[in-house]
Each structure stands twice: as structure tokens, then as C-alpha cells.
N, C-alpha and C. Protein backbone atom coordinates (compact mmCIF):
# COMPACT_ATOMS: atom_id res chain seq x y z
N UNK A 1 13.18 -30.93 -28.72
CA UNK A 1 13.47 -29.55 -29.07
C UNK A 1 12.22 -28.90 -29.65
N UNK A 2 11.73 -27.98 -28.89
CA UNK A 2 10.50 -27.30 -29.24
C UNK A 2 10.67 -26.39 -30.46
N UNK A 3 11.81 -25.76 -30.57
CA UNK A 3 12.02 -24.75 -31.61
C UNK A 3 12.88 -25.24 -32.77
N UNK A 4 13.01 -26.55 -32.95
CA UNK A 4 13.90 -27.10 -33.96
C UNK A 4 13.58 -26.58 -35.37
N UNK A 5 12.28 -26.53 -35.71
CA UNK A 5 11.91 -26.11 -37.06
C UNK A 5 12.29 -24.65 -37.33
N UNK A 6 12.26 -23.84 -36.29
CA UNK A 6 12.60 -22.43 -36.46
C UNK A 6 14.10 -22.21 -36.52
N UNK A 7 14.89 -23.18 -36.09
CA UNK A 7 16.35 -23.05 -36.10
C UNK A 7 16.99 -23.62 -37.36
N UNK A 8 16.24 -24.35 -38.16
CA UNK A 8 16.83 -25.00 -39.34
C UNK A 8 17.38 -23.97 -40.33
N UNK A 9 16.59 -22.97 -40.68
CA UNK A 9 17.03 -21.98 -41.68
C UNK A 9 18.28 -21.22 -41.23
N UNK A 10 18.31 -20.67 -40.01
CA UNK A 10 19.55 -19.97 -39.61
C UNK A 10 20.77 -20.88 -39.59
N UNK A 11 20.59 -22.12 -39.18
CA UNK A 11 21.72 -23.05 -39.14
C UNK A 11 22.23 -23.35 -40.54
N UNK A 12 21.33 -23.62 -41.46
CA UNK A 12 21.72 -23.95 -42.83
C UNK A 12 22.42 -22.76 -43.50
N UNK A 13 21.84 -21.58 -43.37
CA UNK A 13 22.43 -20.39 -43.99
C UNK A 13 23.80 -20.09 -43.38
N UNK A 14 23.90 -20.17 -42.06
CA UNK A 14 25.18 -19.90 -41.40
C UNK A 14 26.24 -20.91 -41.82
N UNK A 15 25.88 -22.17 -41.92
CA UNK A 15 26.84 -23.19 -42.34
C UNK A 15 27.32 -22.96 -43.78
N UNK A 16 26.41 -22.55 -44.65
CA UNK A 16 26.79 -22.25 -46.03
C UNK A 16 27.79 -21.10 -46.06
N UNK A 17 27.51 -20.04 -45.31
CA UNK A 17 28.39 -18.88 -45.30
C UNK A 17 29.74 -19.22 -44.67
N UNK A 18 29.72 -20.00 -43.58
CA UNK A 18 30.97 -20.40 -42.94
C UNK A 18 31.81 -21.25 -43.88
N UNK A 19 31.18 -22.20 -44.57
CA UNK A 19 31.92 -23.02 -45.53
C UNK A 19 32.48 -22.17 -46.67
N UNK A 20 31.74 -21.17 -47.08
CA UNK A 20 32.21 -20.26 -48.13
C UNK A 20 33.48 -19.53 -47.68
N UNK A 21 33.45 -18.97 -46.48
CA UNK A 21 34.62 -18.25 -45.97
C UNK A 21 35.82 -19.18 -45.77
N UNK A 22 35.58 -20.36 -45.26
CA UNK A 22 36.68 -21.31 -45.08
C UNK A 22 37.23 -21.72 -46.44
N UNK A 23 36.36 -21.88 -47.42
CA UNK A 23 36.82 -22.20 -48.78
C UNK A 23 37.69 -21.11 -49.37
N UNK A 24 37.33 -19.87 -49.13
CA UNK A 24 38.15 -18.75 -49.59
C UNK A 24 39.52 -18.80 -48.93
N UNK A 25 39.54 -19.07 -47.62
CA UNK A 25 40.82 -19.14 -46.90
C UNK A 25 41.69 -20.27 -47.45
N UNK A 26 41.09 -21.41 -47.70
CA UNK A 26 41.84 -22.55 -48.25
C UNK A 26 42.37 -22.21 -49.64
N UNK A 27 41.56 -21.53 -50.42
CA UNK A 27 41.97 -21.13 -51.76
C UNK A 27 43.23 -20.27 -51.71
N UNK A 28 43.25 -19.30 -50.79
CA UNK A 28 44.42 -18.42 -50.69
C UNK A 28 45.63 -19.14 -50.11
N UNK A 29 45.41 -20.16 -49.31
CA UNK A 29 46.54 -20.95 -48.79
C UNK A 29 47.21 -21.71 -49.94
N UNK A 30 46.42 -22.18 -50.87
CA UNK A 30 46.94 -22.99 -51.98
C UNK A 30 47.71 -22.15 -53.01
N UNK A 31 47.45 -20.86 -53.08
CA UNK A 31 48.15 -20.02 -54.05
C UNK A 31 49.55 -19.72 -53.52
N UNK A 32 50.57 -20.05 -54.30
CA UNK A 32 51.94 -19.87 -53.84
C UNK A 32 52.59 -18.59 -54.35
N UNK A 33 51.95 -17.88 -55.25
CA UNK A 33 52.52 -16.69 -55.85
C UNK A 33 52.40 -15.47 -54.93
N UNK A 34 51.45 -15.49 -54.05
CA UNK A 34 51.17 -14.34 -53.17
C UNK A 34 52.25 -14.24 -52.09
N UNK A 35 52.73 -13.03 -51.79
CA UNK A 35 53.69 -12.86 -50.68
C UNK A 35 53.06 -13.28 -49.34
N UNK A 36 53.92 -13.66 -48.41
CA UNK A 36 53.45 -14.23 -47.14
C UNK A 36 52.58 -13.28 -46.34
N UNK A 37 52.92 -12.01 -46.31
CA UNK A 37 52.15 -11.04 -45.51
C UNK A 37 50.73 -10.92 -46.05
N UNK A 38 50.62 -10.82 -47.34
CA UNK A 38 49.30 -10.71 -47.96
C UNK A 38 48.53 -12.02 -47.80
N UNK A 39 49.22 -13.13 -47.91
CA UNK A 39 48.56 -14.42 -47.75
C UNK A 39 47.98 -14.56 -46.34
N UNK A 40 48.72 -14.12 -45.33
CA UNK A 40 48.22 -14.20 -43.96
C UNK A 40 46.95 -13.37 -43.81
N UNK A 41 46.95 -12.16 -44.37
CA UNK A 41 45.75 -11.32 -44.32
C UNK A 41 44.59 -11.95 -45.06
N UNK A 42 44.88 -12.51 -46.23
CA UNK A 42 43.82 -13.09 -47.05
C UNK A 42 43.28 -14.39 -46.46
N UNK A 43 43.98 -14.96 -45.51
CA UNK A 43 43.49 -16.15 -44.82
C UNK A 43 42.80 -15.75 -43.52
N UNK A 44 43.37 -14.80 -42.80
CA UNK A 44 42.83 -14.43 -41.50
C UNK A 44 41.49 -13.71 -41.60
N UNK A 45 41.32 -12.88 -42.60
CA UNK A 45 40.07 -12.13 -42.73
C UNK A 45 38.88 -13.05 -42.95
N UNK A 46 38.91 -13.99 -43.91
CA UNK A 46 37.77 -14.89 -44.05
C UNK A 46 37.55 -15.78 -42.83
N UNK A 47 38.62 -16.21 -42.18
CA UNK A 47 38.46 -17.03 -40.98
C UNK A 47 37.84 -16.22 -39.84
N UNK A 48 38.20 -14.95 -39.74
CA UNK A 48 37.58 -14.09 -38.73
C UNK A 48 36.10 -13.88 -39.02
N UNK A 49 35.76 -13.70 -40.29
CA UNK A 49 34.36 -13.55 -40.66
C UNK A 49 33.57 -14.84 -40.38
N UNK A 50 34.20 -15.99 -40.60
CA UNK A 50 33.54 -17.26 -40.29
C UNK A 50 33.31 -17.39 -38.79
N UNK A 51 34.26 -16.94 -37.98
CA UNK A 51 34.09 -17.00 -36.53
C UNK A 51 32.97 -16.06 -36.08
N UNK A 52 32.89 -14.89 -36.68
CA UNK A 52 31.81 -13.95 -36.35
C UNK A 52 30.47 -14.55 -36.74
N UNK A 53 30.41 -15.21 -37.87
CA UNK A 53 29.16 -15.84 -38.31
C UNK A 53 28.74 -16.94 -37.35
N UNK A 54 29.71 -17.69 -36.84
CA UNK A 54 29.39 -18.73 -35.85
C UNK A 54 28.85 -18.09 -34.58
N UNK A 55 29.42 -16.98 -34.17
CA UNK A 55 28.92 -16.27 -32.99
C UNK A 55 27.51 -15.74 -33.19
N UNK A 56 27.23 -15.22 -34.37
CA UNK A 56 25.89 -14.74 -34.69
C UNK A 56 24.89 -15.90 -34.67
N UNK A 57 25.31 -17.05 -35.19
CA UNK A 57 24.44 -18.22 -35.18
C UNK A 57 24.13 -18.65 -33.75
N UNK A 58 25.13 -18.69 -32.90
CA UNK A 58 24.90 -19.07 -31.50
C UNK A 58 23.95 -18.08 -30.84
N UNK A 59 24.14 -16.80 -31.10
CA UNK A 59 23.26 -15.78 -30.54
C UNK A 59 21.82 -15.96 -31.02
N UNK A 60 21.67 -16.25 -32.30
CA UNK A 60 20.33 -16.44 -32.87
C UNK A 60 19.65 -17.67 -32.29
N UNK A 61 20.39 -18.73 -32.09
CA UNK A 61 19.82 -19.95 -31.51
C UNK A 61 19.35 -19.67 -30.09
N UNK A 62 20.13 -18.90 -29.33
CA UNK A 62 19.72 -18.55 -27.97
C UNK A 62 18.46 -17.70 -27.98
N UNK A 63 18.35 -16.78 -28.95
CA UNK A 63 17.14 -15.96 -29.07
C UNK A 63 15.93 -16.83 -29.36
N UNK A 64 16.06 -17.76 -30.27
CA UNK A 64 14.94 -18.63 -30.63
C UNK A 64 14.54 -19.49 -29.45
N UNK A 65 15.52 -20.05 -28.75
CA UNK A 65 15.21 -20.88 -27.59
C UNK A 65 14.57 -20.07 -26.46
N UNK A 66 14.89 -18.79 -26.41
CA UNK A 66 14.30 -17.92 -25.39
C UNK A 66 12.89 -17.46 -25.75
N UNK A 67 12.40 -17.86 -26.89
CA UNK A 67 11.04 -17.52 -27.30
C UNK A 67 10.95 -16.27 -28.13
N UNK A 68 12.04 -15.68 -28.51
CA UNK A 68 12.04 -14.48 -29.30
C UNK A 68 12.35 -14.84 -30.76
N UNK A 69 11.32 -15.27 -31.46
CA UNK A 69 11.52 -15.73 -32.84
C UNK A 69 11.59 -14.57 -33.84
N UNK A 70 10.96 -13.46 -33.48
CA UNK A 70 10.85 -12.34 -34.43
C UNK A 70 11.65 -11.15 -33.92
N UNK A 71 12.78 -10.87 -34.54
CA UNK A 71 13.61 -9.74 -34.13
C UNK A 71 12.96 -8.40 -34.49
N UNK A 72 12.10 -8.40 -35.49
CA UNK A 72 11.51 -7.14 -35.95
C UNK A 72 10.57 -6.56 -34.91
N UNK A 73 10.11 -7.35 -33.95
CA UNK A 73 9.20 -6.83 -32.93
C UNK A 73 9.89 -5.82 -32.02
N UNK A 74 11.21 -5.80 -32.02
CA UNK A 74 11.95 -4.84 -31.19
C UNK A 74 11.94 -3.43 -31.79
N UNK A 75 11.65 -3.30 -33.05
CA UNK A 75 11.80 -2.00 -33.72
C UNK A 75 10.49 -1.40 -34.07
């Protein structure tokens, strides 16, 4: 892997954020006082954000592998 060193930081940051969102979802699942409708929202929103973050990570990895390491060059 030619670009492994350039992919380490995005992978680590994305994993931290994904674990954070999943942790929030698990936290709300464990709370029993919240009504079911609110609990579903409070679980689905962080899980959706975690899925978006995974998509952003995949997109970033493809950019790095394509040789486009610097996004700022586009602007």
C-alpha cells in the first residue's frame, strides 16, 4: 500500500467519531425512562451519523488512493 501513511489519520479520526456515535446510541438504549418514540430517534440519529462518517471515510480513502491527497487544491 503506497498511501498507507496518508490514510492512517483519517481512519483513526473516523473510527473515534464512529465509536462515539455508537456509544451515544447504546447509552440511549440503556435508559429505560425515555418514551419509545424518543428513544428510537435518539438511537437512529447517532447511528445515521456513524453511517455517514463511514461513507465519508470510504470516499476519503478512494481520494487518497487516486493520488488526490490535498483537497484544498480544488479551491
